[in-house]
């Protein structure tokens, strides 16, 4: 069972046929190395510039605007369909900070909100040449950090003190401040891979 997975057990006096296939790896992992086009599509305070990267890293390393950005970026890469005739493929996004929407050849396949960031593909979903788009959305922490570092008032809550849970997060007024935080990793971090699968009998 993967980390973050769930399991429901049910008892029955009779044998229950399997309702869905169970898979296991049936060959070597195939990497989707890119290059990746990264395009920032929604968020703030400003949309960082688009770029092409050969290696997946946190977008906070791109430029100052990307370090303070909270929102969504689209990562796009093309790859050739593997030639192996298999029952199914597992698409694994590796690490994502924090959520991912998967589009393959223009079709929405899944939205993943936590690890593991994996889905099973039917071979019929693959073409000779494929376009994979991952829309990755980070947390708001980097945006809040930027607001507190610049002294922008954002804690506009009626009749609420905003105490810091930890002393390190206490500002000059004694209330919560994210100004001392380090930027959180953001975006698609990978590695992105395909693994051939066989059905467990």
Protein backbone atom coordinates (compact mmCIF):
# COMPACT_ATOMS: atom_id res chain seq x y z
CA UNK A 1 0.00 0.00 0.00
CA UNK A 2 1.47 3.41 -0.97
CA UNK A 3 1.99 6.16 1.57
CA UNK A 4 -1.23 8.13 1.85
CA UNK A 5 -3.32 5.26 0.44
CA UNK A 6 -6.56 3.95 1.87
CA UNK A 7 -7.91 0.44 2.21
CA UNK A 8 -11.49 -0.67 2.84
CA UNK A 9 -12.08 -4.22 4.08
CA UNK A 10 -15.39 -6.04 3.71
CA UNK A 11 -16.32 -9.51 4.95
CA UNK A 12 -18.43 -11.90 2.87
CA UNK A 13 -19.43 -15.55 3.34
CA UNK A 14 -18.95 -16.14 -0.41
CA UNK A 15 -16.17 -15.41 -2.88
CA UNK A 16 -16.49 -11.96 -4.45
CA UNK A 17 -15.08 -11.51 -7.96
CA UNK A 18 -12.53 -8.75 -8.41
CA UNK A 19 -14.21 -5.48 -9.38
CA UNK A 20 -11.07 -3.96 -10.88
CA UNK A 21 -7.62 -5.04 -11.98
CA UNK A 22 -4.63 -5.10 -9.67
CA UNK A 23 -1.28 -4.33 -11.30
CA UNK A 24 2.39 -4.97 -10.75
CA UNK A 25 5.48 -3.63 -12.51
CA UNK A 26 6.33 -5.67 -15.61
CA UNK A 27 9.50 -4.04 -16.87
CA UNK A 28 11.98 -1.22 -16.58
CA UNK A 29 10.96 2.33 -15.73
CA UNK A 30 11.06 4.74 -18.68
CA UNK A 31 11.85 8.38 -17.95
CA UNK A 32 10.13 11.38 -19.55
CA UNK A 33 13.04 13.78 -19.27
CA UNK A 34 11.70 16.72 -21.25
CA UNK A 35 12.67 19.38 -22.11
CA UNK A 36 9.72 20.93 -20.29
CA UNK A 37 8.04 24.19 -21.23
CA UNK A 38 6.90 25.97 -18.06
CA UNK A 39 4.15 28.57 -18.46
CA UNK A 40 2.63 30.37 -15.47
CA UNK A 41 -1.11 30.60 -16.04
CA UNK A 42 -2.81 31.88 -12.88
CA UNK A 43 -1.81 33.40 -9.54
CA UNK A 44 0.14 36.29 -8.08
CA UNK A 45 1.50 38.69 -7.21
CA UNK A 46 2.81 38.60 -10.82
CA UNK A 47 3.04 35.84 -13.42
CA UNK A 48 6.71 34.88 -13.87
CA UNK A 49 8.04 34.60 -17.39
CA UNK A 50 7.69 31.35 -19.34
CA UNK A 51 10.78 29.24 -19.93
CA UNK A 52 12.07 25.89 -21.19
CA UNK A 53 13.92 23.73 -18.66
CA UNK A 54 15.96 20.58 -19.17
CA UNK A 55 15.68 19.55 -15.52
CA UNK A 56 12.70 19.74 -13.17
CA UNK A 57 13.41 21.89 -10.11
CA UNK A 58 11.31 24.07 -7.83
CA UNK A 59 10.06 27.12 -9.71
CA UNK A 60 11.22 29.24 -6.76
CA UNK A 61 14.72 28.91 -8.25
CA UNK A 62 13.71 30.53 -11.56
CA UNK A 63 13.64 34.25 -10.72
CA UNK A 64 12.53 36.63 -7.90
CA UNK A 65 8.95 36.79 -9.21
CA UNK A 66 8.76 32.98 -9.15
CA UNK A 67 10.03 32.85 -5.56
CA UNK A 68 7.05 34.89 -4.36
CA UNK A 69 4.50 33.34 -6.74
CA UNK A 70 1.54 31.31 -5.53
CA UNK A 71 -0.67 29.82 -8.20
CA UNK A 72 -0.56 27.43 -11.14
CA UNK A 73 2.05 26.65 -13.77
CA UNK A 74 1.61 24.41 -16.82
CA UNK A 75 4.48 22.01 -17.54
CA UNK A 76 4.44 20.57 -21.07
CA UNK A 77 6.64 17.89 -22.64
CA UNK A 78 6.40 15.54 -25.60
CA UNK A 79 7.45 11.91 -25.68
CA UNK A 80 7.25 8.93 -28.01
CA UNK A 81 5.02 6.03 -27.04
CA UNK A 82 7.00 3.05 -25.76
CA UNK A 83 7.01 0.14 -28.18
CA UNK A 84 6.47 -2.58 -25.56
CA UNK A 85 3.05 -4.29 -25.86
CA UNK A 86 1.75 -4.20 -22.28
CA UNK A 87 -1.61 -4.30 -20.52
CA UNK A 88 -1.23 -0.84 -18.96
CA UNK A 89 1.24 1.89 -18.07
CA UNK A 90 1.75 3.68 -14.78
CA UNK A 91 2.42 7.40 -15.16
CA UNK A 92 4.28 8.63 -12.08
CA UNK A 93 4.90 12.34 -11.62
CA UNK A 94 7.43 11.83 -8.83
CA UNK A 95 7.33 14.76 -6.42
CA UNK A 96 4.81 17.57 -6.81
CA UNK A 97 4.43 20.66 -4.64
CA UNK A 98 1.48 20.53 -4.14
CA UNK A 99 -1.33 19.45 -6.51
CA UNK A 100 -1.36 18.34 -10.14
CA UNK A 101 -3.90 18.14 -12.95
CA UNK A 102 -2.85 15.73 -15.71
CA UNK A 103 -3.70 16.28 -19.37
CA UNK A 104 -2.53 13.86 -22.07
CA UNK A 105 -2.99 14.73 -25.74
CA UNK A 106 -5.55 17.37 -24.81
CA UNK A 107 -7.62 15.10 -22.56
CA UNK A 108 -8.06 15.71 -18.82
CA UNK A 109 -7.12 12.49 -17.02
CA UNK A 110 -6.97 13.22 -13.29
CA UNK A 111 -6.44 15.78 -10.56
CA UNK A 112 -4.10 14.56 -7.81
CA UNK A 113 -4.02 16.31 -4.44
CA UNK A 114 -1.39 14.30 -2.61
CA UNK A 115 1.17 11.55 -2.90
CA UNK A 116 1.47 9.25 -4.59
CA UNK A 117 1.10 11.25 -7.80
CA UNK A 118 0.39 8.26 -10.07
CA UNK A 119 -2.27 7.12 -12.51
CA UNK A 120 -2.75 4.06 -14.72
CA UNK A 121 -2.92 4.60 -18.49
CA UNK A 122 -4.51 2.30 -21.03
CA UNK A 123 -2.17 1.82 -24.03
CA UNK A 124 -4.96 3.14 -26.28
CA UNK A 125 -4.49 6.57 -24.65
CA UNK A 126 -0.99 6.84 -26.11
CA UNK A 127 -0.17 8.03 -29.62
CA UNK A 128 3.06 7.71 -31.58
CA UNK A 129 4.01 11.15 -30.25
CA UNK A 130 2.34 12.39 -27.06
CA UNK A 131 1.90 15.77 -25.40
CA UNK A 132 1.84 15.61 -21.62
CA UNK A 133 0.71 18.68 -19.68
CA UNK A 134 0.86 18.91 -15.90
CA UNK A 135 -0.84 21.88 -14.24
CA UNK A 136 0.90 22.18 -10.88
CA UNK A 137 -0.43 24.43 -8.11
CA UNK A 138 1.58 25.31 -5.00
CA UNK A 139 0.50 26.44 -1.55
CA UNK A 140 -0.11 30.10 -0.63
CA UNK A 141 2.83 30.15 1.79
CA UNK A 142 5.27 31.91 -0.55
CA UNK A 143 2.73 34.63 -1.30
CA UNK A 144 2.02 35.16 2.41
CA UNK A 145 5.76 35.26 3.11
CA UNK A 146 6.17 37.99 0.48
CA UNK A 147 3.28 40.05 1.91
CA UNK A 148 4.71 39.90 5.43
CA UNK A 149 8.24 40.74 4.25
CA UNK A 150 6.87 43.86 2.52
CA UNK A 151 4.64 44.82 5.45
CA UNK A 152 1.42 44.48 3.43
CA UNK A 153 -1.67 44.12 5.63
CA UNK A 154 -3.45 40.92 4.65
CA UNK A 155 -4.80 39.65 7.99
CA UNK A 156 -8.18 41.37 7.63
CA UNK A 157 -10.32 39.31 9.96
CA UNK A 158 -13.09 40.66 12.20
CA UNK A 159 -12.41 40.42 15.95
CA UNK A 160 -9.59 37.90 15.57
CA UNK A 161 -6.13 38.06 17.03
CA UNK A 162 -3.66 36.16 14.89
CA UNK A 163 -1.27 34.60 17.42
CA UNK A 164 1.82 32.72 16.29
CA UNK A 165 1.92 29.06 17.21
CA UNK A 166 5.73 29.09 17.34
CA UNK A 167 7.96 31.91 18.66
CA UNK A 168 9.92 31.94 15.37
CA UNK A 169 6.74 33.06 13.60
CA UNK A 170 6.08 36.02 15.90
CA UNK A 171 6.32 39.48 14.35
CA UNK A 172 7.20 42.79 16.05
CA UNK A 173 3.54 43.22 17.07
CA UNK A 174 3.54 39.82 18.78
CA UNK A 175 1.25 38.29 16.16
CA UNK A 176 1.89 35.78 13.41
CA UNK A 177 4.33 36.69 10.64
CA UNK A 178 5.73 34.55 7.80
CA UNK A 179 8.49 37.05 7.00
CA UNK A 180 11.24 34.75 8.31
CA UNK A 181 10.11 31.68 6.37
CA UNK A 182 12.21 30.16 3.63
CA UNK A 183 10.41 29.72 0.29
CA UNK A 184 8.62 26.40 -0.01
CA UNK A 185 9.39 24.17 -2.99
CA UNK A 186 6.79 24.62 -5.70
CA UNK A 187 5.67 22.98 -8.93
CA UNK A 188 6.48 19.73 -10.70
CA UNK A 189 9.69 18.30 -9.24
CA UNK A 190 9.66 14.82 -10.82
CA UNK A 191 11.12 12.63 -12.02
CA UNK A 192 8.25 11.84 -14.42
CA UNK A 193 8.24 8.21 -15.50
CA UNK A 194 6.26 5.46 -17.25
CA UNK A 195 6.30 1.92 -15.90
CA UNK A 196 4.87 -1.08 -17.82
CA UNK A 197 2.26 -2.99 -15.81
CA UNK A 198 0.87 -6.48 -15.83
CA UNK A 199 -2.32 -7.68 -14.17
CA UNK A 200 -1.93 -9.60 -10.91
CA UNK A 201 -3.83 -12.87 -11.10
